[in-house]
PDB file of N, CA and C in Angstrom:
ATOM      1  N   MET A   1      87.423  -5.358  39.791  1.00  0.00           N
ATOM      2  CA  MET A   1      87.168  -4.839  38.473  1.00  0.00           C
ATOM      3  C   MET A   1      86.808  -5.995  37.539  1.00  0.00           C
ATOM      4  N   ARG A   2      85.738  -5.830  36.798  1.00  0.00           N
ATOM      5  CA  ARG A   2      85.300  -6.863  35.869  1.00  0.00           C
ATOM      6  C   ARG A   2      85.946  -6.676  34.505  1.00  0.00           C
ATOM      7  N   THR A   3      86.240  -7.769  33.897  1.00  0.00           N
ATOM      8  CA  THR A   3      86.693  -7.693  32.509  1.00  0.00           C
ATOM      9  C   THR A   3      85.532  -8.110  31.625  1.00  0.00           C
ATOM     10  N   HIS A   4      85.347  -7.390  30.580  1.00  0.00           N
ATOM     11  CA  HIS A   4      84.256  -7.683  29.653  1.00  0.00           C
ATOM     12  C   HIS A   4      84.805  -8.394  28.433  1.00  0.00           C
ATOM     13  N   THR A   5      84.106  -9.409  28.038  1.00  0.00           N
ATOM     14  CA  THR A   5      84.501 -10.064  26.799  1.00  0.00           C
ATOM     15  C   THR A   5      83.913  -9.284  25.638  1.00  0.00           C
ATOM     16  N   LEU A   6      84.637  -9.249  24.564  1.00  0.00           N
ATOM     17  CA  LEU A   6      84.141  -8.556  23.383  1.00  0.00           C
ATOM     18  C   LEU A   6      82.987  -9.339  22.792  1.00  0.00           C
ATOM     19  N   ARG A   7      82.002  -8.624  22.383  1.00  0.00           N
ATOM     20  CA  ARG A   7      80.826  -9.263  21.803  1.00  0.00           C
ATOM     21  C   ARG A   7      80.672  -8.768  20.380  1.00  0.00           C
ATOM     22  N   HIS A   8      80.558  -9.689  19.488  1.00  0.00           N
ATOM     23  CA  HIS A   8      80.366  -9.330  18.088  1.00  0.00           C
ATOM     24  C   HIS A   8      78.894  -9.518  17.747  1.00  0.00           C
ATOM     25  N   ASP A   9      78.291  -8.460  17.247  1.00  0.00           N
ATOM     26  CA  ASP A   9      76.872  -8.532  16.912  1.00  0.00           C
ATOM     27  C   ASP A   9      76.626  -9.054  15.506  1.00  0.00           C
ATOM     28  N   GLU A  10      77.676  -9.216  14.753  1.00  0.00           N
ATOM     29  CA  GLU A  10      77.507  -9.698  13.393  1.00  0.00           C
ATOM     30  C   GLU A  10      77.598 -11.219  13.362  1.00  0.00           C
ATOM     31  N   PRO A  11      76.814 -11.836  12.481  1.00  0.00           N
ATOM     32  CA  PRO A  11      76.861 -13.297  12.412  1.00  0.00           C
ATOM     33  C   PRO A  11      78.186 -13.773  11.811  1.00  0.00           C
ATOM     34  N   THR A  12      78.577 -14.947  12.220  1.00  0.00           N
ATOM     35  CA  THR A  12      79.792 -15.557  11.696  1.00  0.00           C
ATOM     36  C   THR A  12      79.505 -16.106  10.301  1.00  0.00           C
ATOM     37  N   PRO A  13      80.547 -16.396   9.534  1.00  0.00           N
ATOM     38  CA  PRO A  13      80.313 -17.010   8.217  1.00  0.00           C
ATOM     39  C   PRO A  13      79.517 -18.317   8.317  1.00  0.00           C
ATOM     40  N   GLY A  14      79.758 -19.106   9.356  1.00  0.00           N
ATOM     41  CA  GLY A  14      78.994 -20.339   9.538  1.00  0.00           C
ATOM     42  C   GLY A  14      77.517 -20.068   9.790  1.00  0.00           C
ATOM     43  N   GLU A  15      77.243 -19.051  10.591  1.00  0.00           N
ATOM     44  CA  GLU A  15      75.850 -18.687  10.867  1.00  0.00           C
ATOM     45  C   GLU A  15      75.169 -18.165   9.606  1.00  0.00           C
ATOM     46  N   LEU A  16      75.882 -17.361   8.814  1.00  0.00           N
ATOM     47  CA  LEU A  16      75.318 -16.866   7.553  1.00  0.00           C
ATOM     48  C   LEU A  16      75.027 -18.013   6.596  1.00  0.00           C
ATOM     49  N   SER A  17      75.910 -18.991   6.576  1.00  0.00           N
ATOM     50  CA  SER A  17      75.710 -20.155   5.729  1.00  0.00           C
ATOM     51  C   SER A  17      74.476 -20.939   6.167  1.00  0.00           C
ATOM     52  N   ALA A  18      74.296 -21.087   7.476  1.00  0.00           N
ATOM     53  CA  ALA A  18      73.122 -21.797   7.997  1.00  0.00           C
ATOM     54  C   ALA A  18      71.836 -21.046   7.659  1.00  0.00           C
ATOM     55  N   ILE A  19      71.865 -19.724   7.769  1.00  0.00           N
ATOM     56  CA  ILE A  19      70.688 -18.920   7.428  1.00  0.00           C
ATOM     57  C   ILE A  19      70.356 -19.083   5.954  1.00  0.00           C
ATOM     58  N   GLU A  20      71.382 -19.019   5.115  1.00  0.00           N
ATOM     59  CA  GLU A  20      71.157 -19.164   3.679  1.00  0.00           C
ATOM     60  C   GLU A  20      70.589 -20.539   3.343  1.00  0.00           C
ATOM     61  N   ALA A  21      71.115 -21.565   3.984  1.00  0.00           N
ATOM     62  CA  ALA A  21      70.649 -22.930   3.731  1.00  0.00           C
ATOM     63  C   ALA A  21      69.195 -23.117   4.154  1.00  0.00           C
ATOM     64  N   GLU A  22      68.772 -22.404   5.175  1.00  0.00           N
ATOM     65  CA  GLU A  22      67.412 -22.556   5.701  1.00  0.00           C
ATOM     66  C   GLU A  22      66.489 -21.408   5.312  1.00  0.00           C
ATOM     67  N   TRP A  23      66.928 -20.545   4.395  1.00  0.00           N
ATOM     68  CA  TRP A  23      66.133 -19.366   4.067  1.00  0.00           C
ATOM     69  C   TRP A  23      64.756 -19.734   3.533  1.00  0.00           C
ATOM     70  N   SER A  24      64.645 -20.779   2.756  1.00  0.00           N
ATOM     71  CA  SER A  24      63.333 -21.157   2.218  1.00  0.00           C
ATOM     72  C   SER A  24      62.350 -21.480   3.347  1.00  0.00           C
ATOM     73  N   LEU A  25      62.825 -22.102   4.413  1.00  0.00           N
ATOM     74  CA  LEU A  25      61.964 -22.400   5.560  1.00  0.00           C
ATOM     75  C   LEU A  25      61.630 -21.118   6.330  1.00  0.00           C
ATOM     76  N   ILE A  26      62.606 -20.264   6.505  1.00  0.00           N
ATOM     77  CA  ILE A  26      62.366 -18.989   7.194  1.00  0.00           C
ATOM     78  C   ILE A  26      61.305 -18.190   6.439  1.00  0.00           C
ATOM     79  N   ASP A  27      61.432 -18.131   5.114  1.00  0.00           N
ATOM     80  CA  ASP A  27      60.467 -17.400   4.296  1.00  0.00           C
ATOM     81  C   ASP A  27      59.072 -18.015   4.410  1.00  0.00           C
ATOM     82  N   ALA A  28      58.995 -19.335   4.399  1.00  0.00           N
ATOM     83  CA  ALA A  28      57.694 -20.008   4.531  1.00  0.00           C
ATOM     84  C   ALA A  28      57.063 -19.710   5.887  1.00  0.00           C
ATOM     85  N   GLU A  29      57.877 -19.701   6.949  1.00  0.00           N
ATOM     86  CA  GLU A  29      57.349 -19.398   8.280  1.00  0.00           C
ATOM     87  C   GLU A  29      56.887 -17.952   8.377  1.00  0.00           C
ATOM     88  N   LEU A  30      57.572 -17.043   7.705  1.00  0.00           N
ATOM     89  CA  LEU A  30      57.137 -15.639   7.686  1.00  0.00           C
ATOM     90  C   LEU A  30      55.805 -15.491   6.954  1.00  0.00           C
ATOM     91  N   THR A  31      55.597 -16.312   5.933  1.00  0.00           N
ATOM     92  CA  THR A  31      54.320 -16.289   5.213  1.00  0.00           C
ATOM     93  C   THR A  31      53.181 -16.746   6.125  1.00  0.00           C
ATOM     94  N   VAL A  32      53.439 -17.749   6.949  1.00  0.00           N
ATOM     95  CA  VAL A  32      52.428 -18.187   7.930  1.00  0.00           C
ATOM     96  C   VAL A  32      52.128 -17.044   8.893  1.00  0.00           C
ATOM     97  N   LEU A  33      53.158 -16.385   9.370  1.00  0.00           N
ATOM     98  CA  LEU A  33      52.968 -15.270  10.294  1.00  0.00           C
ATOM     99  C   LEU A  33      52.124 -14.165   9.656  1.00  0.00           C
ATOM    100  N   ASP A  34      52.392 -13.840   8.407  1.00  0.00           N
ATOM    101  CA  ASP A  34      51.589 -12.828   7.707  1.00  0.00           C
ATOM    102  C   ASP A  34      50.127 -13.244   7.614  1.00  0.00           C
ATOM    103  N   ALA A  35      49.895 -14.529   7.318  1.00  0.00           N
ATOM    104  CA  ALA A  35      48.524 -15.018   7.210  1.00  0.00           C
ATOM    105  C   ALA A  35      47.820 -14.971   8.567  1.00  0.00           C
ATOM    106  N   GLU A  36      48.545 -15.298   9.630  1.00  0.00           N
ATOM    107  CA  GLU A  36      47.959 -15.234  10.972  1.00  0.00           C
ATOM    108  C   GLU A  36      47.630 -13.798  11.363  1.00  0.00           C
ATOM    109  N   ILE A  37      48.493 -12.876  11.014  1.00  0.00           N
ATOM    110  CA  ILE A  37      48.231 -11.462  11.303  1.00  0.00           C
ATOM    111  C   ILE A  37      46.997 -10.996  10.541  1.00  0.00           C
ATOM    112  N   ALA A  38      46.864 -11.431   9.294  1.00  0.00           N
ATOM    113  CA  ALA A  38      45.686 -11.066   8.504  1.00  0.00           C
ATOM    114  C   ALA A  38      44.408 -11.595   9.158  1.00  0.00           C
ATOM    115  N   LEU A  39      44.462 -12.809   9.730  1.00  0.00           N
ATOM    116  CA  LEU A  39      43.292 -13.359  10.422  1.00  0.00           C
ATOM    117  C   LEU A  39      42.936 -12.520  11.641  1.00  0.00           C
ATOM    118  N   ILE A  40      43.941 -12.102  12.382  1.00  0.00           N
ATOM    119  CA  ILE A  40      43.701 -11.282  13.571  1.00  0.00           C
ATOM    120  C   ILE A  40      43.078  -9.952  13.171  1.00  0.00           C
ATOM    121  N   ASN A  41      43.640  -9.338  12.134  1.00  0.00           N
ATOM    122  CA  ASN A  41      43.112  -8.050  11.672  1.00  0.00           C
ATOM    123  C   ASN A  41      41.716  -8.182  11.079  1.00  0.00           C
ATOM    124  N   ALA A  42      41.416  -9.321  10.493  1.00  0.00           N
ATOM    125  CA  ALA A  42      40.099  -9.527   9.894  1.00  0.00           C
ATOM    126  C   ALA A  42      39.001  -9.556  10.955  1.00  0.00           C
ATOM    127  N   ALA A  43      39.346  -9.873  12.179  1.00  0.00           N
ATOM    128  CA  ALA A  43      38.358  -9.896  13.257  1.00  0.00           C
ATOM    129  C   ALA A  43      37.713  -8.528  13.450  1.00  0.00           C
ATOM    130  N   ASP A  44      38.461  -7.478  13.145  1.00  0.00           N
ATOM    131  CA  ASP A  44      37.926  -6.121  13.275  1.00  0.00           C
ATOM    132  C   ASP A  44      37.051  -5.721  12.088  1.00  0.00           C
ATOM    133  N   HIS A  45      37.014  -6.560  11.070  1.00  0.00           N
ATOM    134  CA  HIS A  45      36.269  -6.231   9.851  1.00  0.00           C
ATOM    135  C   HIS A  45      35.265  -7.321   9.497  1.00  0.00           C
ATOM    136  N   GLY A  46      34.634  -7.884  10.480  1.00  0.00           N
ATOM    137  CA  GLY A  46      33.596  -8.874  10.240  1.00  0.00           C
ATOM    138  C   GLY A  46      34.069 -10.313  10.264  1.00  0.00           C
ATOM    139  N   GLY A  47      35.307 -10.537  10.540  1.00  0.00           N
ATOM    140  CA  GLY A  47      35.821 -11.898  10.636  1.00  0.00           C
ATOM    141  C   GLY A  47      36.558 -12.335   9.385  1.00  0.00           C
ATOM    142  N   PRO A  48      37.349 -13.374   9.531  1.00  0.00           N
ATOM    143  CA  PRO A  48      38.132 -13.861   8.395  1.00  0.00           C
ATOM    144  C   PRO A  48      37.237 -14.419   7.288  1.00  0.00           C
ATOM    145  N   SER A  49      37.663 -14.205   6.069  1.00  0.00           N
ATOM    146  CA  SER A  49      36.933 -14.738   4.924  1.00  0.00           C
ATOM    147  C   SER A  49      37.465 -16.140   4.615  1.00  0.00           C
ATOM    148  N   PRO A  50      36.734 -16.877   3.785  1.00  0.00           N
ATOM    149  CA  PRO A  50      37.261 -18.182   3.363  1.00  0.00           C
ATOM    150  C   PRO A  50      38.637 -18.059   2.687  1.00  0.00           C
ATOM    151  N   LEU A  51      38.869 -16.964   2.006  1.00  0.00           N
ATOM    152  CA  LEU A  51      40.157 -16.741   1.360  1.00  0.00           C
ATOM    153  C   LEU A  51      41.271 -16.567   2.401  1.00  0.00           C
ATOM    154  N   ASP A  52      40.970 -15.889   3.502  1.00  0.00           N
ATOM    155  CA  ASP A  52      41.946 -15.734   4.589  1.00  0.00           C
ATOM    156  C   ASP A  52      42.346 -17.101   5.153  1.00  0.00           C
ATOM    157  N   TRP A  53      41.357 -17.960   5.373  1.00  0.00           N
ATOM    158  CA  TRP A  53      41.633 -19.286   5.915  1.00  0.00           C
ATOM    159  C   TRP A  53      42.426 -20.122   4.918  1.00  0.00           C
ATOM    160  N   ARG A  54      42.077 -20.000   3.634  1.00  0.00           N
ATOM    161  CA  ARG A  54      42.807 -20.744   2.600  1.00  0.00           C
ATOM    162  C   ARG A  54      44.262 -20.295   2.552  1.00  0.00           C
ATOM    163  N   ARG A  55      44.480 -18.995   2.651  1.00  0.00           N
ATOM    164  CA  ARG A  55      45.843 -18.470   2.647  1.00  0.00           C
ATOM    165  C   ARG A  55      46.660 -19.067   3.793  1.00  0.00           C
ATOM    166  N   LEU A  56      46.060 -19.174   4.974  1.00  0.00           N
ATOM    167  CA  LEU A  56      46.754 -19.759   6.118  1.00  0.00           C
ATOM    168  C   LEU A  56      47.053 -21.233   5.887  1.00  0.00           C
ATOM    169  N   ARG A  57      46.072 -21.990   5.393  1.00  0.00           N
ATOM    170  CA  ARG A  57      46.297 -23.425   5.144  1.00  0.00           C
ATOM    171  C   ARG A  57      47.402 -23.648   4.122  1.00  0.00           C
ATOM    172  N   ARG A  58      47.409 -22.840   3.062  1.00  0.00           N
ATOM    173  CA  ARG A  58      48.449 -22.985   2.033  1.00  0.00           C
ATOM    174  C   ARG A  58      49.822 -22.641   2.604  1.00  0.00           C
ATOM    175  N   ALA A  59      49.886 -21.609   3.437  1.00  0.00           N
ATOM    176  CA  ALA A  59      51.160 -21.224   4.046  1.00  0.00           C
ATOM    177  C   ALA A  59      51.663 -22.317   4.977  1.00  0.00           C
ATOM    178  N   GLU A  60      50.760 -22.903   5.761  1.00  0.00           N
ATOM    179  CA  GLU A  60      51.157 -23.997   6.659  1.00  0.00           C
ATOM    180  C   GLU A  60      51.629 -25.217   5.867  1.00  0.00           C
ATOM    181  N   ALA A  61      50.947 -25.501   4.773  1.00  0.00           N
ATOM    182  CA  ALA A  61      51.351 -26.632   3.935  1.00  0.00           C
ATOM    183  C   ALA A  61      52.735 -26.394   3.331  1.00  0.00           C
ATOM    184  N   ARG A  62      53.007 -25.152   2.980  1.00  0.00           N
ATOM    185  CA  ARG A  62      54.325 -24.817   2.431  1.00  0.00           C
ATOM    186  C   ARG A  62      55.419 -25.034   3.475  1.00  0.00           C
ATOM    187  N   VAL A  63      55.157 -24.653   4.715  1.00  0.00           N
ATOM    188  CA  VAL A  63      56.140 -24.869   5.781  1.00  0.00           C
ATOM    189  C   VAL A  63      56.436 -26.360   5.917  1.00  0.00           C
ATOM    190  N   ILE A  64      55.410 -27.181   5.925  1.00  0.00           N
ATOM    191  CA  ILE A  64      55.602 -28.624   6.055  1.00  0.00           C
ATOM    192  C   ILE A  64      56.399 -29.165   4.876  1.00  0.00           C
ATOM    193  N   ARG A  65      56.056 -28.717   3.670  1.00  0.00           N
ATOM    194  CA  ARG A  65      56.757 -29.195   2.472  1.00  0.00           C
ATOM    195  C   ARG A  65      58.237 -28.793   2.487  1.00  0.00           C
ATOM    196  N   VAL A  66      58.512 -27.534   2.788  1.00  0.00           N
ATOM    197  CA  VAL A  66      59.889 -27.043   2.796  1.00  0.00           C
ATOM    198  C   VAL A  66      60.695 -27.700   3.918  1.00  0.00           C
ATOM    199  N   ALA A  67      60.092 -27.863   5.085  1.00  0.00           N
ATOM    200  CA  ALA A  67      60.796 -28.520   6.196  1.00  0.00           C
ATOM    201  C   ALA A  67      61.143 -29.956   5.823  1.00  0.00           C
ATOM    202  N   GLY A  68      60.245 -30.630   5.141  1.00  0.00           N
ATOM    203  CA  GLY A  68      60.520 -31.991   4.690  1.00  0.00           C
ATOM    204  C   GLY A  68      61.647 -32.035   3.673  1.00  0.00           C
ATOM    205  N   GLU A  69      61.656 -31.062   2.761  1.00  0.00           N
ATOM    206  CA  GLU A  69      62.731 -30.986   1.772  1.00  0.00           C
ATOM    207  C   GLU A  69      64.079 -30.746   2.449  1.00  0.00           C
ATOM    208  N   LEU A  70      64.102 -29.863   3.427  1.00  0.00           N
ATOM    209  CA  LEU A  70      65.354 -29.594   4.142  1.00  0.00           C
ATOM    210  C   LEU A  70      65.823 -30.820   4.918  1.00  0.00           C
ATOM    211  N   ALA A  71      64.899 -31.525   5.534  1.00  0.00           N
ATOM    212  CA  ALA A  71      65.252 -32.706   6.322  1.00  0.00           C
ATOM    213  C   ALA A  71      65.760 -33.833   5.421  1.00  0.00           C
ATOM    214  N   ALA A  72      65.288 -33.869   4.180  1.00  0.00           N
ATOM    215  CA  ALA A  72      65.673 -34.937   3.262  1.00  0.00           C
ATOM    216  C   ALA A  72      67.016 -34.676   2.581  1.00  0.00           C
ATOM    217  N   ARG A  73      67.570 -33.479   2.745  1.00  0.00           N
ATOM    218  CA  ARG A  73      68.863 -33.179   2.117  1.00  0.00           C
ATOM    219  C   ARG A  73      69.944 -34.066   2.707  1.00  0.00           C
ATOM    220  N   PRO A  74      70.894 -34.460   1.872  1.00  0.00           N
ATOM    221  CA  PRO A  74      72.032 -35.218   2.402  1.00  0.00           C
ATOM    222  C   PRO A  74      72.810 -34.371   3.410  1.00  0.00           C
ATOM    223  N   ALA A  75      73.509 -35.029   4.303  1.00  0.00           N
ATOM    224  CA  ALA A  75      74.236 -34.326   5.357  1.00  0.00           C
ATOM    225  C   ALA A  75      75.234 -33.323   4.786  1.00  0.00           C
ATOM    226  N   SER A  76      75.786 -33.580   3.614  1.00  0.00           N
ATOM    227  CA  SER A  76      76.761 -32.658   3.025  1.00  0.00           C
ATOM    228  C   SER A  76      76.126 -31.336   2.637  1.00  0.00           C
ATOM    229  N   TRP A  77      74.791 -31.287   2.441  1.00  0.00           N
ATOM    230  CA  TRP A  77      74.092 -30.056   2.085  1.00  0.00           C
ATOM    231  C   TRP A  77      73.732 -29.231   3.313  1.00  0.00           C
ATOM    232  N   LYS A  78      73.657 -29.866   4.443  1.00  0.00           N
ATOM    233  CA  LYS A  78      73.208 -29.171   5.648  1.00  0.00           C
ATOM    234  C   LYS A  78      74.314 -28.292   6.176  1.00  0.00           C
ATOM    235  N   ALA A  79      73.962 -27.078   6.518  1.00  0.00           N
ATOM    236  CA  ALA A  79      74.956 -26.134   7.051  1.00  0.00           C
ATOM    237  C   ALA A  79      75.281 -26.477   8.497  1.00  0.00           C
ATOM    238  N   VAL A  80      76.493 -26.300   8.854  1.00  0.00           N
ATOM    239  CA  VAL A  80      76.931 -26.522  10.228  1.00  0.00           C
ATOM    240  C   VAL A  80      77.113 -25.179  10.883  1.00  0.00           C
ATOM    241  N   ALA A  81      76.424 -24.943  11.989  1.00  0.00           N
ATOM    242  CA  ALA A  81      76.526 -23.649  12.666  1.00  0.00           C
ATOM    243  C   ALA A  81      77.697 -23.625  13.607  1.00  0.00           C
TER     244      ALA A  81
END
């Protein structure tokens, strides 16, 4: 007979803290994903416009900027998972 360990599907307070600390990066990465999806969908409508490409470049630049800001935070600001 096997014993099953209990599994909690909810995040721990430490995990929630880490998510909150990195939310700006998560949001920036989601913006890149939205821009990439728009490029894919634009293929069905004559191809991406210059505005579509600009949106992607700006989103990618935001990810780089936010990741740099997070990396530059002092260790006391970084969440421990």
